[in-house]
Amino acid sequence: MWDTDPMTQTHSFSFDPDASASSQPSAAGAQDETTAQAVRDISEVPAVEVISTAAIHLMSAAAVKLGLSEDTEAERAEDLIDLDEARKLITALAGLITAGAPEVGDQHARPLRDGLRSLQLAFREASAIPDEPGKGPGEKYTGPVR
């Protein structure tokens, strides 16, 4: 079922086999209505928007892991650098963009590709030991980035 937190607008999914096996109404009727509303809401979102949103989240997370975020009073961006995590996020982003591009069309894919390329170049610049061409994060999907 979908749970939503109005403060963060996050969604999570969990499966309760006992709930699906029961055919009697439960005391959680309001929760059932909330679940039904969440399903209706997500059904109205076009696939291109879901794919783009997922890509933007991956881009944002990778940028933070590359130290590209702004400093705050509590933390400096350079303290958040984690190139191993950034590599994973960039590779996942490259796979999503490469697989999704034919589905979302060039007008949506082009800015995503540009953002991906910027992250790949930033990764290359941040690495003390550069990857060989074609071996950087996501380059197995995109080809070498220069």
Protein backbone atom coordinates (compact mmCIF):
# COMPACT_ATOMS: atom_id res chain seq x y z
CA MET A 1 0.00 0.00 0.00
CA TRP A 2 1.12 3.60 -0.53
CA ASP A 3 1.85 5.71 2.50
CA THR A 4 2.21 9.45 2.03
CA ASP A 5 3.70 11.98 4.39
CA PRO A 6 2.26 15.41 3.61
CA MET A 7 5.40 17.13 4.95
CA THR A 8 7.84 15.40 2.59
CA GLN A 9 5.58 14.10 -0.16
CA THR A 10 7.38 10.77 -0.17
CA HIS A 11 5.82 7.51 -1.16
CA SER A 12 6.67 4.01 -0.06
CA PHE A 13 5.25 0.65 -1.01
CA SER A 14 4.72 -2.32 1.26
CA PHE A 15 2.85 -5.55 0.73
CA ASP A 16 0.75 -7.13 3.46
CA PRO A 17 -0.32 -10.63 2.35
CA ASP A 18 -2.90 -10.83 5.14
CA ALA A 19 -4.59 -7.65 3.96
CA SER A 20 -4.96 -8.89 0.40
CA ALA A 21 -6.26 -12.28 1.54
CA SER A 22 -9.04 -10.76 3.63
CA SER A 23 -12.32 -10.00 1.89
CA GLN A 24 -13.95 -8.36 4.92
CA PRO A 25 -13.83 -4.60 5.41
CA SER A 26 -11.14 -3.57 7.87
CA ALA A 27 -11.02 -0.83 10.45
CA ALA A 28 -8.50 0.82 8.15
CA GLY A 29 -11.15 1.94 5.65
CA ALA A 30 -9.65 5.43 5.60
CA GLN A 31 -6.25 3.93 4.82
CA ASP A 32 -7.80 1.93 1.97
CA GLU A 33 -9.21 5.19 0.57
CA THR A 34 -5.80 6.86 0.90
CA THR A 35 -4.23 3.95 -0.97
CA ALA A 36 -6.86 4.13 -3.69
CA GLN A 37 -6.30 7.89 -4.01
CA ALA A 38 -2.52 7.40 -4.32
CA VAL A 39 -3.03 4.82 -7.06
CA ARG A 40 -5.40 7.19 -8.89
CA ASP A 41 -2.88 10.03 -8.51
CA ILE A 42 0.05 8.02 -9.91
CA SER A 43 -2.10 6.70 -12.74
CA GLU A 44 -2.57 10.27 -13.97
CA VAL A 45 1.17 11.00 -14.20
CA PRO A 46 2.57 10.52 -17.71
CA ALA A 47 5.47 8.06 -18.02
CA VAL A 48 7.76 10.77 -19.39
CA GLU A 49 7.28 12.71 -16.16
CA VAL A 50 8.01 9.68 -13.96
CA ILE A 51 11.18 8.89 -15.96
CA SER A 52 12.32 12.53 -15.93
CA THR A 53 11.68 12.87 -12.21
CA ALA A 54 13.67 9.72 -11.45
CA ALA A 55 16.53 11.04 -13.61
CA ILE A 56 16.48 14.41 -11.84
CA HIS A 57 16.68 12.69 -8.44
CA LEU A 58 19.65 10.61 -9.60
CA MET A 59 21.33 13.73 -11.01
CA SER A 60 20.82 15.67 -7.79
CA ALA A 61 22.17 12.85 -5.64
CA ALA A 62 25.20 12.40 -7.90
CA ALA A 63 25.91 16.15 -7.83
CA VAL A 64 25.90 16.11 -4.02
CA LYS A 65 28.23 13.08 -3.97
CA LEU A 66 30.57 14.96 -6.34
CA GLY A 67 30.66 17.96 -3.98
CA LEU A 68 28.73 20.19 -6.37
CA SER A 69 26.11 21.27 -3.85
CA GLU A 70 26.21 24.57 -1.98
CA ASP A 71 27.82 24.85 1.43
CA THR A 72 25.45 25.25 4.36
CA GLU A 73 26.07 26.43 7.89
CA ALA A 74 26.08 22.79 9.03
CA GLU A 75 28.12 21.20 6.21
CA ARG A 76 30.56 22.02 3.47
CA ALA A 77 29.91 20.50 0.05
CA GLU A 78 33.42 19.04 -0.11
CA ASP A 79 32.72 17.07 3.08
CA LEU A 80 29.94 15.22 1.25
CA ILE A 81 32.14 13.95 -1.60
CA ASP A 82 31.90 10.19 -2.11
CA LEU A 83 33.14 9.20 -5.55
CA ASP A 84 32.21 5.53 -5.14
CA GLU A 85 28.59 6.49 -4.50
CA ALA A 86 28.70 9.10 -7.29
CA ARG A 87 29.93 6.43 -9.74
CA LYS A 88 26.96 4.18 -8.89
CA LEU A 89 24.45 7.00 -9.26
CA ILE A 90 25.90 8.22 -12.56
CA THR A 91 25.94 4.69 -13.97
CA ALA A 92 22.30 4.16 -12.96
CA LEU A 93 21.40 7.53 -14.48
CA ALA A 94 23.17 6.64 -17.74
CA GLY A 95 21.26 3.36 -17.93
CA LEU A 96 17.93 5.08 -17.28
CA ILE A 97 18.56 7.82 -19.83
CA THR A 98 19.87 5.43 -22.48
CA ALA A 99 16.94 3.04 -22.05
CA GLY A 100 14.33 5.76 -21.63
CA ALA A 101 15.41 8.15 -24.39
CA PRO A 102 13.49 6.41 -27.20
CA GLU A 103 10.39 6.39 -25.00
CA VAL A 104 10.49 10.01 -23.82
CA GLY A 105 11.58 11.60 -27.09
CA ASP A 106 14.48 13.85 -27.97
CA GLN A 107 13.03 17.04 -26.49
CA HIS A 108 13.01 15.43 -23.02
CA ALA A 109 16.10 13.23 -23.44
CA ARG A 110 18.47 15.96 -24.69
CA PRO A 111 18.60 17.98 -21.43
CA LEU A 112 18.93 14.74 -19.44
CA ARG A 113 21.86 13.68 -21.64
CA ASP A 114 23.46 17.10 -21.17
CA GLY A 115 23.13 16.84 -17.40
CA LEU A 116 24.54 13.32 -17.44
CA ARG A 117 27.52 14.42 -19.54
CA SER A 118 28.21 17.29 -17.11
CA LEU A 119 28.21 14.87 -14.19
CA GLN A 120 30.50 12.45 -16.04
CA LEU A 121 32.95 15.27 -16.74
CA ALA A 122 32.76 16.51 -13.14
CA PHE A 123 33.48 12.96 -11.96
CA ARG A 124 36.49 12.75 -14.26
CA GLU A 125 37.76 16.08 -12.91
CA ALA A 126 37.21 15.06 -9.26
CA SER A 127 38.99 11.70 -9.60
CA ALA A 128 42.60 11.58 -8.46
CA ILE A 129 43.13 8.56 -10.72
CA PRO A 130 41.32 9.09 -14.02
CA ASP A 131 39.45 6.21 -15.63
CA GLU A 132 40.48 5.06 -19.08
CA PRO A 133 38.25 6.44 -21.86
CA GLY A 134 35.08 4.36 -21.96
CA LYS A 135 35.59 3.06 -18.39
CA GLY A 136 34.18 6.03 -16.47
CA PRO A 137 30.80 6.00 -14.75
CA GLY A 138 28.02 5.27 -17.20
CA GLU A 139 30.33 5.18 -20.20
CA LYS A 140 29.42 1.60 -20.99
CA TYR A 141 25.99 3.04 -21.89
CA THR A 142 27.02 6.41 -23.35
CA GLY A 143 30.42 5.75 -24.82
CA PRO A 144 33.54 7.72 -23.86
CA VAL A 145 32.95 11.23 -22.55
CA ARG A 146 35.49 13.96 -23.38
